[in-house]
Protein backbone atom coordinates (compact mmCIF):
# COMPACT_ATOMS: atom_id res chain seq x y z
CA MET A 1 0.00 -0.01 -0.07
CA LEU A 2 2.80 2.43 0.92
CA LYS A 3 4.45 1.71 -2.39
CA TYR A 4 1.31 2.66 -4.33
CA LEU A 5 0.88 5.88 -2.19
CA ILE A 6 4.39 6.97 -2.94
CA SER A 7 3.93 6.40 -6.64
CA ILE A 8 0.73 8.44 -6.53
CA ILE A 9 2.45 11.21 -4.74
CA LEU A 10 5.34 11.32 -7.12
CA PHE A 11 2.96 11.35 -10.12
CA LEU A 12 0.94 14.26 -8.72
CA ASN A 13 4.16 16.17 -7.87
CA ALA A 14 5.42 15.72 -11.45
CA PHE A 15 2.01 16.89 -12.75
CA LEU A 16 1.67 19.89 -10.50
CA LEU A 17 5.19 21.05 -11.25
CA ASN A 18 4.21 21.86 -14.77
CA SER A 19 2.68 24.99 -13.24
CA GLN A 20 6.24 26.26 -12.98
CA THR A 21 6.63 27.26 -16.64
CA PHE A 22 9.42 28.83 -18.61
CA THR A 23 8.46 30.90 -21.61
CA ASP A 24 10.71 31.66 -24.56
CA ILE A 25 10.45 35.46 -24.84
CA GLN A 26 11.88 35.42 -28.41
CA ALA A 27 14.63 37.72 -27.43
CA GLY A 28 16.29 37.70 -30.86
CA LEU A 29 19.76 36.79 -29.64
CA THR A 30 22.36 35.48 -32.21
CA GLY A 31 22.51 31.75 -31.97
CA VAL A 32 26.02 30.45 -31.09
CA SER A 33 27.73 27.11 -30.42
CA GLU A 34 30.99 26.16 -28.70
CA SER A 35 29.68 29.02 -26.61
CA ALA A 36 29.59 30.94 -23.41
CA SER A 37 26.63 33.02 -22.29
CA ASN A 38 25.76 34.81 -19.00
CA TRP A 39 24.08 37.79 -17.38
CA ILE A 40 25.77 41.02 -16.40
CA ASP A 41 24.49 44.50 -15.52
CA TYR A 42 27.26 46.17 -17.42
CA ASP A 43 25.65 49.64 -17.34
CA GLN A 44 24.51 49.37 -13.79
CA ASP A 45 20.97 50.44 -14.52
CA GLY A 46 19.44 47.84 -12.20
CA ASP A 47 18.65 45.11 -14.69
CA LEU A 48 20.55 42.24 -16.19
CA ASP A 49 21.98 42.44 -19.67
CA ILE A 50 23.33 39.42 -21.67
CA PHE A 51 26.79 38.67 -22.96
CA VAL A 52 27.44 35.84 -25.36
CA CYS A 53 30.31 34.55 -27.56
CA GLY A 54 30.76 31.59 -29.88
CA GLU A 55 30.47 30.36 -33.44
CA PHE A 56 27.36 31.07 -35.54
CA TYR A 57 26.15 30.18 -39.08
CA LYS A 58 23.26 32.59 -39.72
CA PRO A 59 23.19 34.72 -41.78
CA ALA A 60 26.70 33.54 -42.61
CA HIS A 61 29.34 31.66 -40.85
CA GLY A 62 31.44 33.52 -38.33
CA ILE A 63 32.70 34.01 -34.80
CA LYS A 64 31.00 36.63 -32.64
CA THR A 65 31.02 38.22 -29.22
CA LYS A 66 27.88 40.12 -28.51
CA LEU A 67 26.45 42.23 -25.81
CA TYR A 68 22.67 42.75 -25.49
CA ARG A 69 21.33 45.64 -23.40
CA ASN A 70 18.14 44.90 -21.42
CA ILE A 71 15.56 47.51 -22.44
CA ARG A 72 12.92 45.93 -20.27
CA ASN A 73 9.49 44.51 -21.08
CA ASP A 74 11.10 41.29 -22.33
CA ARG A 75 13.20 43.13 -24.90
CA PHE A 76 16.96 43.10 -25.47
CA THR A 77 18.87 45.18 -28.13
CA GLU A 78 22.30 44.46 -29.45
CA VAL A 79 25.00 47.12 -28.70
CA TYR A 80 28.33 47.37 -30.29
CA THR A 81 31.49 46.68 -28.14
CA PRO A 82 35.21 46.50 -29.09
CA ILE A 83 35.54 43.18 -27.26
CA ALA A 84 37.23 40.49 -29.37
CA ASN A 85 35.17 37.93 -31.25
CA VAL A 86 35.92 34.48 -29.91
CA TYR A 87 34.71 30.92 -29.77
CA ARG A 88 35.98 27.89 -27.77
CA GLY A 89 36.22 30.32 -25.00
CA ASP A 90 34.86 31.72 -21.69
CA PHE A 91 34.53 34.98 -19.85
CA ASP A 92 33.87 36.35 -16.41
CA TRP A 93 32.94 39.68 -14.94
CA ALA A 94 34.37 41.39 -11.78
CA ASP A 95 35.49 44.83 -10.53
CA TYR A 96 39.24 44.08 -10.84
CA ASN A 97 40.41 47.65 -10.33
CA LEU A 98 37.98 48.57 -7.41
CA ASP A 99 36.30 51.51 -9.24
CA GLY A 100 32.83 50.11 -8.60
CA ILE A 101 32.28 49.16 -12.25
CA PRO A 102 32.28 45.59 -13.61
CA ASP A 103 35.16 44.63 -16.01
CA ILE A 104 35.45 41.56 -18.14
CA PHE A 105 38.17 38.95 -18.82
CA ILE A 106 37.77 36.83 -21.89
CA ILE A 107 39.60 33.87 -23.35
CA GLY A 108 39.16 31.82 -26.60
CA GLN A 109 40.10 31.59 -30.17
CA VAL A 110 39.61 34.38 -32.79
CA SER A 111 38.95 33.81 -36.47
CA SER A 112 42.64 33.84 -37.42
CA GLY A 113 43.19 30.80 -35.10
CA LYS A 114 45.06 32.83 -32.48
CA SER A 115 44.23 32.17 -28.82
CA ILE A 116 43.63 35.26 -26.66
CA ALA A 117 43.34 36.28 -23.07
CA TYR A 118 42.14 39.84 -22.85
CA LEU A 119 41.09 42.20 -20.03
CA TYR A 120 38.60 44.95 -20.77
CA LYS A 121 37.90 47.77 -18.35
CA GLY A 122 34.26 48.71 -17.93
CA ASN A 123 32.90 52.30 -17.74
CA ARG A 124 29.08 51.74 -17.64
CA THR A 125 28.96 52.29 -21.45
CA THR A 126 29.73 49.85 -24.30
CA ASN A 127 33.14 51.51 -24.89
CA PHE A 128 35.15 48.91 -23.10
CA ILE A 129 38.85 49.69 -22.85
CA ARG A 130 41.38 46.90 -23.47
CA ILE A 131 44.01 46.83 -20.77
CA PRO A 132 47.36 45.12 -21.79
CA VAL A 133 48.26 42.31 -19.44
CA ASN A 134 51.07 39.72 -19.49
CA ILE A 135 48.82 36.71 -19.81
CA LYS A 136 49.14 34.22 -22.60
CA GLY A 137 46.15 33.32 -24.78
CA VAL A 138 44.07 30.22 -23.89
CA LYS A 139 41.29 28.31 -25.53
CA ASP A 140 39.07 25.23 -24.62
CA GLY A 141 38.97 26.08 -20.93
CA SER A 142 37.57 28.57 -18.47
CA VAL A 143 38.31 31.81 -16.62
CA GLU A 144 37.03 32.96 -13.22
CA TRP A 145 37.68 35.81 -10.88
CA GLY A 146 38.20 35.29 -7.15
CA ASP A 147 40.18 36.87 -4.29
CA PHE A 148 42.32 33.82 -3.29
CA ASP A 149 44.80 35.83 -1.24
CA ARG A 150 42.18 37.91 0.64
CA ASP A 151 43.87 41.28 -0.23
CA GLY A 152 40.59 42.80 -1.39
CA ASP A 153 41.07 42.59 -5.21
CA GLN A 154 40.08 39.94 -7.73
CA ASP A 155 42.58 37.41 -8.98
CA LEU A 156 42.25 35.02 -11.99
CA LEU A 157 42.01 31.31 -12.38
CA ILE A 158 42.54 30.28 -15.95
CA VAL A 159 42.57 26.69 -17.45
CA GLY A 160 42.76 25.48 -20.95
CA GLN A 161 45.10 25.10 -23.97
CA GLU A 162 47.98 27.53 -24.11
CA GLY A 163 50.19 27.09 -27.18
CA GLY A 164 49.24 23.44 -27.44
CA ASN A 165 49.80 22.68 -23.79
CA ALA A 166 47.12 22.19 -21.12
CA VAL A 167 47.56 24.67 -18.30
CA SER A 168 45.93 25.66 -14.98
CA LYS A 169 47.20 28.89 -13.71
CA ILE A 170 46.49 31.50 -11.01
CA TYR A 171 47.31 35.09 -11.70
CA ARG A 172 47.56 37.38 -8.69
CA ASN A 173 46.17 40.85 -9.08
CA ASP A 174 48.97 43.17 -8.00
CA ARG A 175 46.82 46.28 -8.94
CA ASN A 176 47.73 49.02 -11.32
CA ASN A 177 46.87 46.59 -14.17
CA LYS A 178 49.51 44.08 -13.23
CA PHE A 179 48.92 40.34 -12.82
CA THR A 180 51.50 37.81 -11.73
CA ASP A 181 51.51 34.03 -12.36
CA ILE A 182 52.03 32.63 -8.84
CA GLY A 183 53.31 29.22 -10.02
CA ALA A 184 50.53 27.38 -8.26
CA GLN A 185 51.65 23.98 -9.59
CA LEU A 186 48.09 22.96 -10.53
CA PRO A 187 47.83 20.13 -13.08
CA GLY A 188 47.19 21.64 -16.48
CA VAL A 189 43.86 20.69 -17.96
CA ALA A 190 42.01 21.54 -21.25
CA PHE A 191 38.51 20.68 -22.46
CA GLY A 192 37.28 21.19 -18.90
CA VAL A 193 36.91 23.87 -16.17
CA GLY A 194 38.52 25.46 -13.12
CA ARG A 195 36.43 26.85 -10.23
CA TRP A 196 37.07 28.76 -7.02
CA CYS A 197 35.25 27.79 -3.77
CA ASP A 198 35.95 27.97 -0.07
CA PHE A 199 34.88 24.36 0.45
CA ASP A 200 36.39 24.08 3.91
CA LEU A 201 34.95 27.38 5.26
CA ASP A 202 38.37 28.62 6.49
CA GLY A 203 37.98 31.92 4.79
CA ASP A 204 40.05 31.51 1.67
CA LEU A 205 39.28 30.24 -1.81
CA ASP A 206 40.26 26.70 -2.84
CA VAL A 207 40.38 25.42 -6.37
CA ILE A 208 38.90 22.47 -8.24
CA VAL A 209 39.98 21.57 -11.83
CA SER A 210 38.56 19.07 -14.30
CA GLY A 211 39.62 18.07 -17.82
CA THR A 212 42.24 16.40 -19.91
CA GLU A 213 45.94 16.60 -19.07
CA ASN A 214 48.74 16.78 -21.57
CA SER A 215 49.21 13.00 -21.16
CA GLY A 216 45.65 12.40 -22.27
CA MET A 217 44.56 11.28 -18.88
CA VAL A 218 41.27 12.76 -17.55
CA ILE A 219 41.26 14.19 -13.94
CA THR A 220 39.17 15.98 -11.43
CA ALA A 221 41.13 17.36 -8.54
CA LEU A 222 40.55 19.59 -5.55
CA PHE A 223 43.30 21.80 -4.09
CA ARG A 224 43.06 23.34 -0.61
CA ASN A 225 44.46 26.87 -0.21
CA ASP A 226 47.04 26.73 2.62
CA ASN A 227 48.27 30.29 3.05
CA ASN A 228 48.28 30.83 -0.78
CA ARG A 229 49.82 27.53 -1.52
CA PHE A 230 47.57 24.84 -3.05
CA THR A 231 47.60 21.29 -1.63
CA ASN A 232 46.07 18.40 -3.60
CA LEU A 233 43.37 16.38 -1.78
CA PRO A 234 42.94 12.93 -3.28
CA LEU A 235 39.25 12.52 -2.70
CA GLY A 236 38.23 10.18 -5.46
CA PHE A 237 36.01 12.32 -7.59
CA SER A 238 34.78 11.17 -11.03
CA ASN A 239 37.49 12.12 -13.53
CA LEU A 240 35.83 14.12 -16.29
CA ARG A 241 36.52 16.02 -19.45
CA LEU A 242 34.21 18.21 -21.62
CA SER A 243 33.04 19.13 -18.10
CA ASP A 244 31.47 21.84 -16.02
CA ILE A 245 31.28 22.30 -12.24
CA ALA A 246 29.00 24.49 -10.10
CA TRP A 247 29.31 24.96 -6.35
CA GLY A 248 26.27 25.49 -4.18
CA ASP A 249 24.79 24.52 -0.79
CA TYR A 250 21.91 22.40 -2.17
CA ASP A 251 21.24 20.69 1.26
CA ASN A 252 21.29 24.00 3.32
CA ASP A 253 23.78 22.56 5.81
CA GLY A 254 26.07 25.58 5.69
CA ASP A 255 28.82 24.24 3.45
CA GLN A 256 29.41 24.22 -0.37
CA ASP A 257 28.58 21.15 -2.35
CA PHE A 258 29.07 20.81 -6.08
CA ALA A 259 27.43 19.52 -9.22
CA MET A 260 29.42 18.40 -12.23
CA ASN A 261 28.89 16.93 -15.60
CA GLY A 262 31.14 15.56 -18.39
CA GLU A 263 32.71 12.52 -19.87
CA THR A 264 34.93 9.86 -18.24
CA GLN A 265 38.19 8.45 -19.66
CA ASN A 266 36.21 5.54 -21.19
CA GLY A 267 33.48 7.67 -22.69
CA LYS A 268 30.73 7.40 -20.14
CA PHE A 269 28.55 10.59 -19.69
CA VAL A 270 28.07 11.74 -16.07
CA THR A 271 25.99 14.23 -14.19
CA LYS A 272 26.30 14.00 -10.38
CA ILE A 273 26.38 15.84 -7.03
CA TYR A 274 29.07 15.56 -4.37
CA ASN A 275 27.87 16.44 -0.82
CA ASN A 276 30.40 18.16 1.29
CA ASN A 277 30.85 16.60 4.72
CA LEU A 278 33.16 19.45 5.82
CA ASN A 279 35.78 16.97 7.19
CA LEU A 280 37.85 16.91 3.97
CA SER A 281 35.41 14.29 2.51
CA PHE A 282 32.70 14.45 -0.10
CA VAL A 283 29.95 11.81 -0.59
CA PRO A 284 28.45 11.35 -4.03
CA ALA A 285 24.63 11.73 -4.22
CA PHE A 286 22.63 9.84 -6.83
CA PRO A 287 19.57 11.77 -8.00
CA ASP A 288 18.19 10.64 -11.39
CA PHE A 289 19.87 13.33 -13.50
CA VAL A 290 20.31 13.04 -17.21
CA ASN A 291 24.02 12.22 -17.85
CA VAL A 292 25.62 14.66 -20.26
CA ARG A 293 28.97 16.08 -21.57
CA SER A 294 29.86 19.26 -23.38
CA GLY A 295 27.38 21.31 -21.44
CA SER A 296 26.77 23.29 -18.26
CA VAL A 297 25.38 23.16 -14.69
CA ASP A 298 24.16 26.00 -12.58
CA TRP A 299 22.43 26.26 -9.25
CA GLY A 300 19.50 28.65 -8.43
CA ASP A 301 16.41 28.81 -6.32
CA MET A 302 13.92 29.04 -9.22
CA ASP A 303 10.80 28.31 -7.18
CA HIS A 304 11.47 30.60 -4.18
CA ASP A 305 11.29 27.69 -1.67
CA GLY A 306 14.65 28.22 0.06
CA ASP A 307 16.75 25.53 -1.55
CA LEU A 308 18.82 25.40 -4.76
CA ASP A 309 17.54 23.77 -7.89
CA LEU A 310 19.72 22.64 -10.82
CA LEU A 311 19.88 23.75 -14.50
CA VAL A 312 21.66 21.14 -16.74
CA THR A 313 22.47 21.43 -20.44
CA GLY A 314 24.62 19.16 -22.66
CA GLU A 315 24.78 16.11 -24.89
CA PHE A 316 23.21 12.88 -23.68
CA ALA A 317 22.97 9.51 -25.31
CA ASN A 318 20.17 10.51 -27.59
CA GLY A 319 21.34 14.10 -28.47
CA ALA A 320 20.98 17.51 -26.94
CA VAL A 321 19.14 18.21 -23.73
CA SER A 322 18.31 21.07 -21.32
CA LYS A 323 16.65 20.27 -17.99
CA VAL A 324 15.49 21.99 -14.88
CA TYR A 325 15.50 19.88 -11.73
CA ARG A 326 13.55 20.96 -8.65
CA ASN A 327 15.20 20.22 -5.27
CA GLU A 328 12.86 18.18 -3.19
CA ARG A 329 15.45 17.80 -0.38
CA ASN A 330 16.79 14.56 1.15
CA GLU A 331 18.90 14.05 -2.08
CA MET A 332 15.76 14.02 -4.25
CA PHE A 333 15.37 16.09 -7.42
CA THR A 334 12.37 16.18 -9.85
CA ASP A 335 12.55 16.96 -13.60
CA ILE A 336 9.89 19.64 -13.92
CA ASN A 337 9.57 19.17 -17.75
CA ALA A 338 10.52 22.80 -18.31
CA GLN A 339 10.36 22.39 -22.11
CA LEU A 340 13.64 24.17 -22.72
CA ILE A 341 15.26 23.57 -26.10
CA GLY A 342 17.88 20.83 -25.91
CA LEU A 343 21.44 22.25 -26.44
CA TYR A 344 24.99 20.94 -26.32
CA MET A 345 28.40 22.57 -26.71
CA SER A 346 26.37 24.82 -24.54
CA ASP A 347 26.17 27.20 -21.56
CA GLY A 348 23.19 28.03 -19.30
CA HIS A 349 22.68 30.27 -16.27
CA TRP A 350 20.06 31.60 -13.95
CA GLY A 351 19.34 35.30 -13.57
CA ASP A 352 16.34 37.61 -12.81
CA TYR A 353 16.39 39.81 -15.96
CA ASP A 354 12.87 41.21 -15.34
CA ASN A 355 13.29 42.02 -11.65
CA ASP A 356 10.12 40.09 -10.71
CA GLY A 357 11.79 38.20 -7.90
CA ASP A 358 12.25 34.82 -9.61
CA LEU A 359 15.06 33.37 -11.68
CA ASP A 360 15.00 33.27 -15.49
CA ILE A 361 17.31 31.45 -17.79
CA VAL A 362 19.74 32.30 -20.59
CA ILE A 363 21.11 29.40 -22.66
CA SER A 364 23.13 29.01 -25.81
CA GLY A 365 24.51 26.08 -27.90
CA MET A 366 23.70 23.65 -30.68
CA SER A 367 20.32 21.90 -30.92
CA ASN A 368 19.50 18.34 -32.18
CA ASP A 369 18.85 19.66 -35.73
CA TYR A 370 22.21 21.51 -35.78
CA GLU A 371 20.78 24.91 -35.32
CA PHE A 372 22.87 27.37 -33.27
CA VAL A 373 20.74 28.91 -30.60
CA SER A 374 20.68 31.57 -27.85
CA LYS A 375 17.43 31.98 -25.89
CA VAL A 376 16.05 33.66 -22.83
CA TYR A 377 13.27 31.90 -20.89
CA ARG A 378 11.16 33.85 -18.46
CA ASN A 379 10.16 32.03 -15.27
CA ASP A 380 6.41 32.22 -15.03
CA PRO A 381 5.29 30.67 -11.66
CA ILE A 382 2.19 31.87 -9.83
CA ARG A 383 3.37 35.49 -9.30
CA THR A 384 4.29 36.85 -5.92
CA ASP A 385 3.84 40.53 -6.92
CA THR A 386 0.86 41.07 -9.34
CA ILE A 387 -1.02 39.54 -12.19
CA LYS A 388 -2.72 41.94 -14.54
CA LYS A 389 -4.83 39.43 -16.29
CA ARG A 390 -5.14 35.71 -15.97
CA LYS A 391 -7.53 33.21 -17.66
CA THR A 392 -9.77 31.38 -15.26
CA ASP A 393 -9.11 28.04 -16.95
CA ILE A 394 -7.11 26.04 -14.39
CA TRP A 395 -5.07 24.33 -17.12
CA ASN A 396 -3.81 27.60 -18.45
CA ASN A 397 -0.86 29.16 -16.61
CA THR A 398 -0.36 32.09 -18.90
CA VAL A 399 0.24 35.36 -17.20
CA VAL A 400 0.34 38.84 -18.65
CA ILE A 401 3.03 40.97 -16.96
CA PRO A 402 2.45 44.75 -17.03
CA GLU A 403 5.20 47.25 -17.86
CA ARG A 404 7.42 47.27 -14.76
CA PRO A 405 8.09 50.53 -12.97
CA LYS A 406 11.40 50.90 -11.26
CA PRO A 407 11.47 48.99 -7.94
CA ILE A 408 11.89 51.17 -4.87
CA TYR A 409 10.73 48.89 -2.01
CA PHE A 410 12.84 45.93 -1.15
CA TYR A 411 13.35 43.10 1.28
CA VAL A 412 16.20 40.58 1.47
CA TYR A 413 16.17 37.04 2.68
CA SER A 414 18.27 33.90 3.00
CA SER A 415 18.01 30.46 4.57
CA CYS A 416 20.08 27.66 5.97
CA TYR A 417 19.98 24.17 7.61
CA CYS A 418 22.16 25.05 10.47
CA ASP A 419 22.90 25.03 14.19
CA LEU A 420 22.06 28.66 14.75
CA ASP A 421 22.46 28.64 18.55
CA LYS A 422 25.39 26.24 18.63
CA ASP A 423 23.37 23.88 20.83
CA GLY A 424 24.21 20.83 18.62
CA ILE A 425 20.85 20.75 16.92
CA LYS A 426 20.44 21.74 13.22
CA GLU A 427 17.19 23.22 12.04
CA TYR A 428 15.82 24.79 8.88
CA ASN A 429 15.97 28.60 9.40
CA ALA A 430 14.86 31.35 7.11
CA PHE A 431 15.78 35.03 7.69
CA ILE A 432 13.58 37.72 6.07
CA SER A 433 14.20 41.46 6.45
CA LEU A 434 11.52 44.10 6.85
CA ILE A 435 10.61 46.17 3.78
CA LYS A 436 12.94 49.16 3.19
CA ARG A 437 13.69 51.85 0.62
CA PRO A 438 17.48 51.59 0.45
CA LYS A 439 19.52 54.67 -0.53
CA ALA A 440 22.42 52.73 -2.09
CA GLN A 441 22.96 49.48 -3.97
CA TYR A 442 23.72 46.51 -1.68
CA GLU A 443 22.83 48.54 1.36
CA MET A 444 20.44 45.96 2.74
CA GLU A 445 22.62 42.98 1.89
CA ASN A 446 25.53 44.59 3.78
CA LYS A 447 23.42 45.19 6.91
CA PHE A 448 21.77 41.80 6.81
CA ASN A 449 24.59 39.71 8.34
CA GLY A 450 25.33 42.30 10.98
CA VAL A 451 21.75 42.28 12.31
CA ILE A 452 21.74 38.46 12.47
CA HIS A 453 25.04 38.54 14.37
CA ARG A 454 23.50 40.98 16.76
CA ASP A 455 20.60 38.58 17.58
CA TYR A 456 22.54 35.34 17.18
CA PRO A 457 26.22 36.06 18.17
CA ASN A 458 27.30 32.43 17.52
CA TRP A 459 26.18 32.46 13.89
CA GLU A 460 29.03 32.75 11.34
CA GLU A 461 27.40 34.58 8.39
CA PHE A 462 25.71 34.15 5.03
CA ASP A 463 27.81 34.44 1.87
CA GLN A 464 26.72 37.57 0.04
CA GLY A 465 25.80 35.40 -2.96
CA ASN A 466 23.20 33.58 -0.91
CA ILE A 467 21.43 36.78 0.19
CA ILE A 468 18.53 37.41 -2.18
CA GLN A 469 16.94 40.68 -2.82
CA SER A 470 13.38 41.28 -4.10
CA GLY A 471 12.24 44.67 -5.24
CA PHE A 472 8.80 46.20 -6.02
CA SER A 473 7.37 49.43 -7.35
CA THR A 474 4.81 49.77 -4.57
CA TYR A 475 4.86 49.06 -0.87
CA GLN A 476 1.82 46.78 -1.08
CA LYS A 477 3.37 44.56 -3.67
CA ALA A 478 6.37 44.17 -1.52
CA VAL A 479 4.16 43.28 1.50
CA ASN A 480 2.26 40.70 -0.55
CA SER A 481 5.42 39.09 -1.80
CA ARG A 482 7.04 39.02 1.67
CA PHE A 483 3.89 37.32 3.07
CA ILE A 484 4.02 34.64 0.33
CA ALA A 485 7.68 34.03 0.98
CA ILE A 486 7.05 33.56 4.73
CA ASP A 487 4.19 31.20 4.03
CA GLU A 488 6.30 29.22 1.66
CA TYR A 489 9.07 28.86 4.19
CA LYS A 490 6.63 27.88 6.94
CA SER A 491 4.99 25.32 4.69
CA LYS A 492 8.42 23.67 4.35
CA ASN A 493 8.83 23.68 8.24
CA PHE A 494 11.38 26.53 8.36
CA LYS A 495 11.61 28.58 11.46
CA VAL A 496 11.20 32.10 10.08
CA HIS A 497 13.08 34.97 11.71
CA ASP A 498 12.41 38.63 11.12
CA VAL A 499 15.56 40.66 10.49
CA LYS A 500 14.85 44.07 11.85
CA TRP A 501 16.85 47.33 11.79
C-alpha cells in the first residue's frame, strides 16, 4: 500500500510542477555554439544584460562576441562593443580595479586561429577599454575571478590550452593593471573547467579543476588553499573532461557542495552531485539526473522555496538536452519538464532579468537539428507580486506581465539548515528582512549579516551570494510578496526569523 501511495504522490508532484513554466520570450539573440553566455548588468541600470560569444552560421558563418542591453518588457537590443570575437572560450565579470564598475576577462580563439586572453575595463557604457596584461592566450577552458589571497582585489583562475599545452594557472592581481603568475603547480587541463570555492569554510578560496591533461589522462582534482599554496586532496571524484562544475549549498547545511557533468576516460557521460561533509570528505549523491557532456550546470532557487535547484544542459545518449531539476530535499530532485530547447556545446545560467523576484534562464549552444541557438526563458510561476490578467481556466498558466516601473521597495532574505544557537541541533531557518527603501545598492545585503550577528552572536554569516533581494514598485506589492515568501518557508517547516533594523 505504501509503495502505491508513494507512486501516486510522485505522479501528482510531477503533474503539479508543470505549473512552474518557462516561456521563450523570443529575445532575438544571435545563436552560437561552442559558446559561453551569461548575465551582467554592465551599465548598472538595475537590470541584467546578456553577454554571449561563440560560433554562428546565420546569416553567414562567423565568430562573434555580442552584448545585449536589457531595455525591459522582455526586450533586448544588441549594442556594439570593441571586445574580441571568440569561440571555444569563456569570460567572467568582476571589478578588478576597485572602481565600482564591472570589468570583463575573456579567453578563446579568434577567427585567425590565435588564442587570446584579454582584459577589458568597464565604464558603464559599451566603450570597453582593453588593458594590456602579460597573460598568454588560452582556448578550450575557463576563466574565473576570485580573491584567493584575501587582499581585497580579484585574482584570476585560468585553465585550457595555451600554445598546445594544457595549463591551469592562478594570476595574482597586483593592482595598477599588473597580474603575476604565482606558479601554483596545479595540473594543467584543457576541455574542462577550473572553479574557486571555499569548500572548507576557512575563509580563503580553494580550487577544483577538471579536464584532460597533456598526457591524455582525464582528472578531477581539488586543491586546498594553505596560506596561498595549493595542496592536492585525493578525494576520489569522477575524472571528467568536456566538463562543467557549479558549487552551491543544495542541502542547506552551511557548506558548499558541487554539481558536475562531463565524460569519463572511457566515454561514459556523467552528471552528479558531491555532498560536502566538511571533514575533507565528499559523498556522491545519486539523483536521477540526465548524464551529459559538453554542457553546463548552474544552481539557483527558481521556485522561491529556500533551496537550490539545478539547470543542466549538454549532450546525452540521444542528443542535446536542457533540464531544470527541482530540489525536493533529502537528495531528491524532480525533472519539472520545463520544455527548454535541448542544447550541447552549450552554456546556461540563472538570472532575474525582469526584476520580478524569480530566476529566469539564458542558454546558448547547438540543438539536435544542428541549429545554433541563444534563448532567454522567463520564469512564469504563480506570481508573488501582481497579475494583470489571468484566464480562469485552471489548465492555463499564462500570465500577462504589465510594464514594470522601477522597484523602490525591497526586502532581502536567505536560509540555511544550520545550528544557529550552537546547541548541537540543526534546524531549517529562514531570515527575512523588513521592507525598506534603500538609498544605495547592496545597502540591505550589507546590513543583513550584521543584524543576524546581533541577535545570534554564535552564527558565522551568510555568503553575500546567498542573500537574495526582491524589489517592487509599490509598498503593497512588497508586502504581498513577503507574506507569500514567509508562508512558503513555513509550509516547508522552516523557522522564520524577522531581521529588523
